[in-house]
Structure formats: C-alpha cells, structure tokens
Amino acid sequence: MFVLSASYTTSAEKGRRYYEKTGEVVWEIDTEEKVVALTFDDGPHPKYTAEILDLLASYNAKATFFIVGENAEKKPELILRQYNEGHEIANHTYTHPLKTTLPKLEVEIKKTNDLIYSITGYYPELFRPVEGQYTDSLVQSLVKNGYKVIMWSWHQDTEDWKNPGVHRIVKTVLNGTEPGNVILFHDGGGNRSQTVKALEKILPELQKQGYEFVTISELLKMKNESGK
C-alpha cells in the first residue's frame, strides 16, 4: 500500500540530499538571480483560478499550475487559458487521493496527462505528489515515464488551504523569499479568497524588490545553465 499522509514525511528510503543530487526531485534551485516560481495546486476552480490568472496577467507574472484532472475536466477552458497565457501546466493526479496504491496512482497520472494533452496538445513532464508524499518506487516510476517530481521550498508553504488569514500568507512569503524559491499556493480545493487577496499584496511587493516570476521549467533551465 502506498500511503499519503503528513506534509513533510515520506516513506522514501533515499532522502532529499540524494534526490537533489540526481535532480529527480526538485525543491528549489541555487541561484543568485532574483527569480521565484509561483505554484498553485488543486485547481482549476471556476472563480479563484480565473481571479488568479487576472492578477498574474496584470503583473506579467508566469506561474505553474499543478492541476487535478477531474477539476480540469469540468473547466477545460481555464486550462486552455493557462496554456495560452504562457503559464505551465503540470500534473497533480486525477482525484487527489490521500491513500492509494502505486498502480492506481500511475493510472491517475496518465489519465490526467492525457486529459491535459486533449485540451492543449501538450504533455506535462512535471508532477507534484499529493501533500508532497512520495516513495522511492513512485519516483522510479515517474522517472521511467519521463517525469520530474516537483516539491516546494519548505519555508515557502503558505498553508493557504487552512485559511490562516491574508496577513499570515503574505508574511510567510515576503519574510522568506530568496532567489530560486518555489512557493506553494492553492487555487482549488476550497475557498481560496484569502489566497487571491494575499497575491494582491505579494505580487507588487516582490516585483518592487526586483523579482521575476518564472515557471518551474524556466527555473530548471536556469539551474542547468548554471551547472549548480
């Protein structure tokens, strides 16, 4: 049984240091360039995803959306909008299962990728496991099928899904942002009005500090070019 549970523990025997060295799992990149990757999980949501896309457009910011297949199936026009506006679309399973087997998870991942392709003509190569949980066997399966596992900077988990308050979300991001960070937000899975309001403060402030908002693939390209 492959079990997904708490946010930062995994049943993988090989640790973060190993996977960072192989590049098979990514948390952030080491760079001095003022770039950050905004990531959004669990969407699309008909209201909040659209509002977030409007905000991103107003700041010329690109983001990566880790979408849940069954949500995408209901709102394909939002997936197409994300794609057409230059954002990156990535895989976050089909039903967002908290407990499942590896074979079932493999089916979910393929189903979501096929769905995204049917909407955009593009096959995602990035996958984020539910609640950040992974096993060595899952990573091996993903790598074999051409995926890269994307996590997030551990100090940049906004926990916005808990609705902690706009101020706390803003404080988490602005107090912790460093070049090469991957910031975790959610655009689906519940009421994300706090996330939207927090972004209204976060985006202009980070832009004022000189940060550029890039996709995960753009971040990875910078890592490869730097050789770090």
C-alpha atoms as a PDB file:
ATOM      1  CA  MET A   1       0.000   0.000   0.000  1.00  0.00           C
ATOM      2  CA  PHE A   2       1.256   3.441  -0.946  1.00  0.00           C
ATOM      3  CA  VAL A   3       0.062   5.865   1.718  1.00  0.00           C
ATOM      4  CA  LEU A   4      -0.011   9.640   1.597  1.00  0.00           C
ATOM      5  CA  SER A   5      -0.182  11.391   4.943  1.00  0.00           C
ATOM      6  CA  ALA A   6       1.622  14.263   6.679  1.00  0.00           C
ATOM      7  CA  SER A   7       3.221  17.077   4.723  1.00  0.00           C
ATOM      8  CA  TYR A   8       6.930  16.565   5.158  1.00  0.00           C
ATOM      9  CA  THR A   9       7.491  12.893   5.910  1.00  0.00           C
ATOM     10  CA  THR A  10       7.832  10.301   3.175  1.00  0.00           C
ATOM     11  CA  SER A  11       8.294   6.570   3.039  1.00  0.00           C
ATOM     12  CA  ALA A  12      11.219   7.015   0.684  1.00  0.00           C
ATOM     13  CA  GLU A  13      14.440   5.452   1.923  1.00  0.00           C
ATOM     14  CA  LYS A  14      16.544   7.821  -0.151  1.00  0.00           C
ATOM     15  CA  GLY A  15      16.492  11.316   1.301  1.00  0.00           C
ATOM     16  CA  ARG A  16      16.336  14.817  -0.079  1.00  0.00           C
ATOM     17  CA  ARG A  17      20.101  15.068  -0.486  1.00  0.00           C
ATOM     18  CA  TYR A  18      20.127  12.019  -2.771  1.00  0.00           C
ATOM     19  CA  TYR A  19      17.249  13.220  -4.928  1.00  0.00           C
ATOM     20  CA  GLU A  20      18.568  16.747  -5.181  1.00  0.00           C
ATOM     21  CA  LYS A  21      21.862  15.335  -6.425  1.00  0.00           C
ATOM     22  CA  THR A  22      20.154  13.191  -9.074  1.00  0.00           C
ATOM     23  CA  GLY A  23      17.766  16.023  -9.984  1.00  0.00           C
ATOM     24  CA  GLU A  24      14.815  13.617  -9.945  1.00  0.00           C
ATOM     25  CA  VAL A  25      13.048  15.589  -7.203  1.00  0.00           C
ATOM     26  CA  VAL A  26      13.263  19.384  -7.005  1.00  0.00           C
ATOM     27  CA  TRP A  27      12.549  21.635  -4.042  1.00  0.00           C
ATOM     28  CA  GLU A  28      14.217  24.855  -5.240  1.00  0.00           C
ATOM     29  CA  ILE A  29      17.331  25.916  -7.125  1.00  0.00           C
ATOM     30  CA  ASP A  30      20.548  27.569  -6.047  1.00  0.00           C
ATOM     31  CA  THR A  31      20.861  30.878  -7.865  1.00  0.00           C
ATOM     32  CA  GLU A  32      21.725  34.489  -7.200  1.00  0.00           C
ATOM     33  CA  GLU A  33      19.281  35.720  -9.831  1.00  0.00           C
ATOM     34  CA  LYS A  34      16.133  37.240  -8.368  1.00  0.00           C
ATOM     35  CA  VAL A  35      13.643  34.731  -9.685  1.00  0.00           C
ATOM     36  CA  VAL A  36      10.897  32.779  -7.917  1.00  0.00           C
ATOM     37  CA  ALA A  37       8.411  30.180  -9.100  1.00  0.00           C
ATOM     38  CA  LEU A  38       4.814  30.616  -8.008  1.00  0.00           C
ATOM     39  CA  THR A  39       2.971  27.287  -7.972  1.00  0.00           C
ATOM     40  CA  PHE A  40      -0.709  26.547  -7.492  1.00  0.00           C
ATOM     41  CA  ASP A  41      -2.200  23.159  -6.571  1.00  0.00           C
ATOM     42  CA  ASP A  42      -5.633  21.510  -6.783  1.00  0.00           C
ATOM     43  CA  GLY A  43      -7.305  23.634  -9.459  1.00  0.00           C
ATOM     44  CA  PRO A  44      -8.744  24.699 -11.659  1.00  0.00           C
ATOM     45  CA  HIS A  45     -11.541  26.415  -9.745  1.00  0.00           C
ATOM     46  CA  PRO A  46     -14.085  28.407 -11.785  1.00  0.00           C
ATOM     47  CA  LYS A  47     -13.813  31.503  -9.582  1.00  0.00           C
ATOM     48  CA  TYR A  48     -10.416  31.570  -7.889  1.00  0.00           C
ATOM     49  CA  THR A  49      -8.292  30.267 -10.754  1.00  0.00           C
ATOM     50  CA  ALA A  50      -9.767  32.907 -13.059  1.00  0.00           C
ATOM     51  CA  GLU A  51      -9.108  35.652 -10.487  1.00  0.00           C
ATOM     52  CA  ILE A  52      -5.522  34.467 -10.007  1.00  0.00           C
ATOM     53  CA  LEU A  53      -4.953  34.442 -13.770  1.00  0.00           C
ATOM     54  CA  ASP A  54      -6.228  38.024 -13.966  1.00  0.00           C
ATOM     55  CA  LEU A  55      -3.794  39.062 -11.223  1.00  0.00           C
ATOM     56  CA  LEU A  56      -0.847  37.284 -12.788  1.00  0.00           C
ATOM     57  CA  ALA A  57      -1.561  38.946 -16.111  1.00  0.00           C
ATOM     58  CA  SER A  58      -1.579  42.398 -14.535  1.00  0.00           C
ATOM     59  CA  TYR A  59       1.972  41.851 -13.231  1.00  0.00           C
ATOM     60  CA  ASN A  60       3.236  39.942 -16.268  1.00  0.00           C
ATOM     61  CA  ALA A  61       3.890  37.033 -13.911  1.00  0.00           C
ATOM     62  CA  LYS A  62       4.126  33.416 -15.028  1.00  0.00           C
ATOM     63  CA  ALA A  63       3.211  30.519 -12.764  1.00  0.00           C
ATOM     64  CA  THR A  64       2.965  26.736 -12.733  1.00  0.00           C
ATOM     65  CA  PHE A  65      -0.410  25.113 -12.093  1.00  0.00           C
ATOM     66  CA  PHE A  66      -0.423  21.561 -10.708  1.00  0.00           C
ATOM     67  CA  ILE A  67      -3.910  20.599 -11.757  1.00  0.00           C
ATOM     68  CA  VAL A  68      -6.259  17.870 -10.592  1.00  0.00           C
ATOM     69  CA  GLY A  69      -7.629  16.011 -13.599  1.00  0.00           C
ATOM     70  CA  GLU A  70     -11.254  15.768 -12.510  1.00  0.00           C
ATOM     71  CA  ASN A  71     -11.324  19.535 -11.949  1.00  0.00           C
ATOM     72  CA  ALA A  72      -9.725  20.197 -15.319  1.00  0.00           C
ATOM     73  CA  GLU A  73     -12.317  18.028 -16.988  1.00  0.00           C
ATOM     74  CA  LYS A  74     -15.044  20.318 -15.618  1.00  0.00           C
ATOM     75  CA  LYS A  75     -13.324  23.561 -16.653  1.00  0.00           C
ATOM     76  CA  PRO A  76     -11.186  22.844 -19.730  1.00  0.00           C
ATOM     77  CA  GLU A  77     -11.448  26.467 -20.822  1.00  0.00           C
ATOM     78  CA  LEU A  78      -9.394  27.516 -17.775  1.00  0.00           C
ATOM     79  CA  ILE A  79      -6.676  25.008 -18.632  1.00  0.00           C
ATOM     80  CA  LEU A  80      -6.588  26.353 -22.168  1.00  0.00           C
ATOM     81  CA  ARG A  81      -6.421  29.894 -20.843  1.00  0.00           C
ATOM     82  CA  GLN A  82      -3.485  28.999 -18.593  1.00  0.00           C
ATOM     83  CA  TYR A  83      -1.677  27.458 -21.519  1.00  0.00           C
ATOM     84  CA  ASN A  84      -2.423  30.314 -23.926  1.00  0.00           C
ATOM     85  CA  GLU A  85      -1.271  32.915 -21.400  1.00  0.00           C
ATOM     86  CA  GLY A  86       2.132  31.306 -21.047  1.00  0.00           C
ATOM     87  CA  HIS A  87       1.752  29.517 -17.736  1.00  0.00           C
ATOM     88  CA  GLU A  88       2.985  25.997 -17.153  1.00  0.00           C
ATOM     89  CA  ILE A  89       0.518  23.183 -16.594  1.00  0.00           C
ATOM     90  CA  ALA A  90       1.631  20.236 -14.513  1.00  0.00           C
ATOM     91  CA  ASN A  91       0.143  17.019 -13.116  1.00  0.00           C
ATOM     92  CA  HIS A  92      -1.270  16.616  -9.586  1.00  0.00           C
ATOM     93  CA  THR A  93      -3.196  13.317 -10.074  1.00  0.00           C
ATOM     94  CA  TYR A  94      -6.769  12.887 -11.261  1.00  0.00           C
ATOM     95  CA  THR A  95      -8.752  12.637  -7.986  1.00  0.00           C
ATOM     96  CA  HIS A  96      -6.215  13.926  -5.410  1.00  0.00           C
ATOM     97  CA  PRO A  97      -6.214  10.647  -3.430  1.00  0.00           C
ATOM     98  CA  LEU A  98      -4.843  10.729   0.122  1.00  0.00           C
ATOM     99  CA  LYS A  99      -4.434   6.965   0.178  1.00  0.00           C
ATOM    100  CA  THR A 100      -3.874   4.714  -2.798  1.00  0.00           C
ATOM    101  CA  THR A 101      -1.648   2.100  -4.394  1.00  0.00           C
ATOM    102  CA  LEU A 102       1.168   2.840  -6.807  1.00  0.00           C
ATOM    103  CA  PRO A 103      -0.561   1.107  -9.760  1.00  0.00           C
ATOM    104  CA  LYS A 104      -3.712   3.176  -9.206  1.00  0.00           C
ATOM    105  CA  LEU A 105      -1.645   6.330  -8.886  1.00  0.00           C
ATOM    106  CA  GLU A 106       0.110   5.566 -12.166  1.00  0.00           C
ATOM    107  CA  VAL A 107      -3.308   5.271 -13.838  1.00  0.00           C
ATOM    108  CA  GLU A 108      -4.372   8.636 -12.368  1.00  0.00           C
ATOM    109  CA  ILE A 109      -1.225  10.365 -13.562  1.00  0.00           C
ATOM    110  CA  LYS A 110      -1.583   9.026 -17.097  1.00  0.00           C
ATOM    111  CA  LYS A 111      -5.282   9.905 -17.201  1.00  0.00           C
ATOM    112  CA  THR A 112      -4.556  13.491 -16.183  1.00  0.00           C
ATOM    113  CA  ASN A 113      -1.710  13.856 -18.667  1.00  0.00           C
ATOM    114  CA  ASP A 114      -3.881  12.516 -21.481  1.00  0.00           C
ATOM    115  CA  LEU A 115      -6.618  14.958 -20.486  1.00  0.00           C
ATOM    116  CA  ILE A 116      -4.245  17.925 -20.489  1.00  0.00           C
ATOM    117  CA  TYR A 117      -2.982  16.858 -23.907  1.00  0.00           C
ATOM    118  CA  SER A 118      -6.543  16.645 -25.237  1.00  0.00           C
ATOM    119  CA  ILE A 119      -7.111  20.267 -24.176  1.00  0.00           C
ATOM    120  CA  THR A 120      -3.775  21.862 -25.029  1.00  0.00           C
ATOM    121  CA  GLY A 121      -1.869  19.483 -27.315  1.00  0.00           C
ATOM    122  CA  TYR A 122       0.860  19.460 -24.658  1.00  0.00           C
ATOM    123  CA  TYR A 123       2.009  16.596 -22.414  1.00  0.00           C
ATOM    124  CA  PRO A 124       3.207  17.811 -18.990  1.00  0.00           C
ATOM    125  CA  GLU A 125       6.517  16.480 -17.728  1.00  0.00           C
ATOM    126  CA  LEU A 126       6.212  17.764 -14.165  1.00  0.00           C
ATOM    127  CA  PHE A 127       4.400  16.006 -11.335  1.00  0.00           C
ATOM    128  CA  ARG A 128       3.715  17.050  -7.756  1.00  0.00           C
ATOM    129  CA  PRO A 129       2.601  14.295  -5.371  1.00  0.00           C
ATOM    130  CA  VAL A 130      -0.437  14.839  -3.164  1.00  0.00           C
ATOM    131  CA  GLU A 131       0.628  16.530   0.100  1.00  0.00           C
ATOM    132  CA  GLY A 132       4.224  16.156  -1.052  1.00  0.00           C
ATOM    133  CA  GLN A 133       4.281  12.444  -0.283  1.00  0.00           C
ATOM    134  CA  TYR A 134       6.420  10.114  -2.356  1.00  0.00           C
ATOM    135  CA  THR A 135       8.158   6.762  -2.194  1.00  0.00           C
ATOM    136  CA  ASP A 136      11.288   5.589  -3.955  1.00  0.00           C
ATOM    137  CA  SER A 137       9.123   3.336  -6.126  1.00  0.00           C
ATOM    138  CA  LEU A 138       6.920   6.273  -7.137  1.00  0.00           C
ATOM    139  CA  VAL A 139       9.948   8.359  -8.092  1.00  0.00           C
ATOM    140  CA  GLN A 140      11.382   5.439 -10.077  1.00  0.00           C
ATOM    141  CA  SER A 141       8.072   5.009 -11.910  1.00  0.00           C
ATOM    142  CA  LEU A 142       7.825   8.715 -12.690  1.00  0.00           C
ATOM    143  CA  VAL A 143      11.409   8.972 -13.916  1.00  0.00           C
ATOM    144  CA  LYS A 144      10.921   5.900 -16.091  1.00  0.00           C
ATOM    145  CA  ASN A 145       7.949   7.622 -17.717  1.00  0.00           C
ATOM    146  CA  GLY A 146       9.793  10.875 -18.306  1.00  0.00           C
ATOM    147  CA  TYR A 147       8.543  12.958 -15.364  1.00  0.00           C
ATOM    148  CA  LYS A 148      10.334  15.121 -12.847  1.00  0.00           C
ATOM    149  CA  VAL A 149       8.952  15.412  -9.305  1.00  0.00           C
ATOM    150  CA  ILE A 150       8.452  18.984  -8.127  1.00  0.00           C
ATOM    151  CA  MET A 151       8.106  19.877  -4.458  1.00  0.00           C
ATOM    152  CA  TRP A 152       8.462  23.368  -2.966  1.00  0.00           C
ATOM    153  CA  SER A 153      10.791  25.356  -0.718  1.00  0.00           C
ATOM    154  CA  TRP A 154       9.870  24.086   2.725  1.00  0.00           C
ATOM    155  CA  HIS A 155       9.830  27.574   4.236  1.00  0.00           C
ATOM    156  CA  GLN A 156       7.516  28.683   1.412  1.00  0.00           C
ATOM    157  CA  ASP A 157       4.482  26.524   2.189  1.00  0.00           C
ATOM    158  CA  THR A 158       1.836  29.202   2.658  1.00  0.00           C
ATOM    159  CA  GLU A 159      -0.648  26.676   4.107  1.00  0.00           C
ATOM    160  CA  ASP A 160      -3.297  28.806   2.425  1.00  0.00           C
ATOM    161  CA  TRP A 161      -5.598  25.763   2.277  1.00  0.00           C
ATOM    162  CA  LYS A 162      -6.054  26.188   6.047  1.00  0.00           C
ATOM    163  CA  ASN A 163      -7.311  29.770   5.519  1.00  0.00           C
ATOM    164  CA  PRO A 164      -4.828  31.170   8.069  1.00  0.00           C
ATOM    165  CA  GLY A 165      -5.633  34.774   7.187  1.00  0.00           C
ATOM    166  CA  VAL A 166      -4.361  37.033   4.432  1.00  0.00           C
ATOM    167  CA  HIS A 167      -1.729  38.629   6.663  1.00  0.00           C
ATOM    168  CA  ARG A 168      -0.164  35.290   7.572  1.00  0.00           C
ATOM    169  CA  ILE A 169       0.032  34.149   3.945  1.00  0.00           C
ATOM    170  CA  VAL A 170       1.649  37.434   2.942  1.00  0.00           C
ATOM    171  CA  LYS A 171       4.076  37.325   5.880  1.00  0.00           C
ATOM    172  CA  THR A 172       5.144  33.746   5.103  1.00  0.00           C
ATOM    173  CA  VAL A 173       6.028  34.629   1.529  1.00  0.00           C
ATOM    174  CA  LEU A 174       7.568  38.067   1.956  1.00  0.00           C
ATOM    175  CA  ASN A 175       9.626  37.170   5.037  1.00  0.00           C
ATOM    176  CA  GLY A 176      11.024  34.053   3.422  1.00  0.00           C
ATOM    177  CA  THR A 177      11.541  34.794  -0.257  1.00  0.00           C
ATOM    178  CA  GLU A 178      15.010  34.054  -1.590  1.00  0.00           C
ATOM    179  CA  PRO A 179      16.238  33.684  -5.186  1.00  0.00           C
ATOM    180  CA  GLY A 180      15.322  30.319  -6.665  1.00  0.00           C
ATOM    181  CA  ASN A 181      12.461  29.608  -4.261  1.00  0.00           C
ATOM    182  CA  VAL A 182       9.403  27.577  -5.213  1.00  0.00           C
ATOM    183  CA  ILE A 183       6.329  28.990  -3.447  1.00  0.00           C
ATOM    184  CA  LEU A 184       3.297  26.815  -2.727  1.00  0.00           C
ATOM    185  CA  PHE A 185      -0.237  28.179  -3.074  1.00  0.00           C
ATOM    186  CA  HIS A 186      -3.579  26.548  -3.862  1.00  0.00           C
ATOM    187  CA  ASP A 187      -6.128  27.759  -6.405  1.00  0.00           C
ATOM    188  CA  GLY A 188      -8.606  24.918  -5.854  1.00  0.00           C
ATOM    189  CA  GLY A 189      -9.915  22.538  -3.213  1.00  0.00           C
ATOM    190  CA  GLY A 190     -11.963  25.107  -1.290  1.00  0.00           C
ATOM    191  CA  ASN A 191     -12.432  28.807  -0.654  1.00  0.00           C
ATOM    192  CA  ARG A 192      -9.273  30.486  -1.912  1.00  0.00           C
ATOM    193  CA  SER A 193     -10.337  34.106  -1.474  1.00  0.00           C
ATOM    194  CA  GLN A 194      -7.527  34.617   1.073  1.00  0.00           C
ATOM    195  CA  THR A 195      -5.003  33.412  -1.487  1.00  0.00           C
ATOM    196  CA  VAL A 196      -6.275  35.903  -4.045  1.00  0.00           C
ATOM    197  CA  LYS A 197      -6.171  38.789  -1.560  1.00  0.00           C
ATOM    198  CA  ALA A 198      -2.688  37.779  -0.418  1.00  0.00           C
ATOM    199  CA  LEU A 199      -1.433  37.730  -4.005  1.00  0.00           C
ATOM    200  CA  GLU A 200      -2.709  41.275  -4.439  1.00  0.00           C
ATOM    201  CA  LYS A 201      -0.086  42.276  -1.853  1.00  0.00           C
ATOM    202  CA  ILE A 202       2.643  39.756  -2.642  1.00  0.00           C
ATOM    203  CA  LEU A 203       2.958  40.309  -6.380  1.00  0.00           C
ATOM    204  CA  PRO A 204       3.603  44.079  -6.346  1.00  0.00           C
ATOM    205  CA  GLU A 205       5.940  43.848  -3.364  1.00  0.00           C
ATOM    206  CA  LEU A 206       8.148  41.117  -4.828  1.00  0.00           C
ATOM    207  CA  GLN A 207       8.130  42.904  -8.169  1.00  0.00           C
ATOM    208  CA  LYS A 208       9.213  46.077  -6.369  1.00  0.00           C
ATOM    209  CA  GLN A 209      12.089  44.077  -4.823  1.00  0.00           C
ATOM    210  CA  GLY A 210      13.193  43.129  -8.330  1.00  0.00           C
ATOM    211  CA  TYR A 211      11.915  39.574  -8.502  1.00  0.00           C
ATOM    212  CA  GLU A 212      10.822  37.946 -11.739  1.00  0.00           C
ATOM    213  CA  PHE A 213       8.086  35.307 -11.654  1.00  0.00           C
ATOM    214  CA  VAL A 214       9.019  32.285 -13.767  1.00  0.00           C
ATOM    215  CA  THR A 215       7.663  28.816 -14.470  1.00  0.00           C
ATOM    216  CA  ILE A 216       9.224  25.696 -12.972  1.00  0.00           C
ATOM    217  CA  SER A 217      10.677  24.717 -16.351  1.00  0.00           C
ATOM    218  CA  GLU A 218      12.271  28.139 -16.694  1.00  0.00           C
ATOM    219  CA  LEU A 219      13.717  27.743 -13.201  1.00  0.00           C
ATOM    220  CA  LEU A 220      15.109  24.311 -14.073  1.00  0.00           C
ATOM    221  CA  LYS A 221      16.646  25.665 -17.262  1.00  0.00           C
ATOM    222  CA  MET A 222      18.484  28.290 -15.221  1.00  0.00           C
ATOM    223  CA  LYS A 223      19.754  25.549 -12.916  1.00  0.00           C
ATOM    224  CA  ASN A 224      21.038  23.522 -15.849  1.00  0.00           C
ATOM    225  CA  GLU A 225      22.722  26.531 -17.410  1.00  0.00           C
ATOM    226  CA  SER A 226      24.438  27.481 -14.149  1.00  0.00           C
ATOM    227  CA  GLY A 227      25.604  23.926 -13.521  1.00  0.00           C
ATOM    228  CA  LYS A 228      24.730  24.196  -9.824  1.00  0.00           C
END
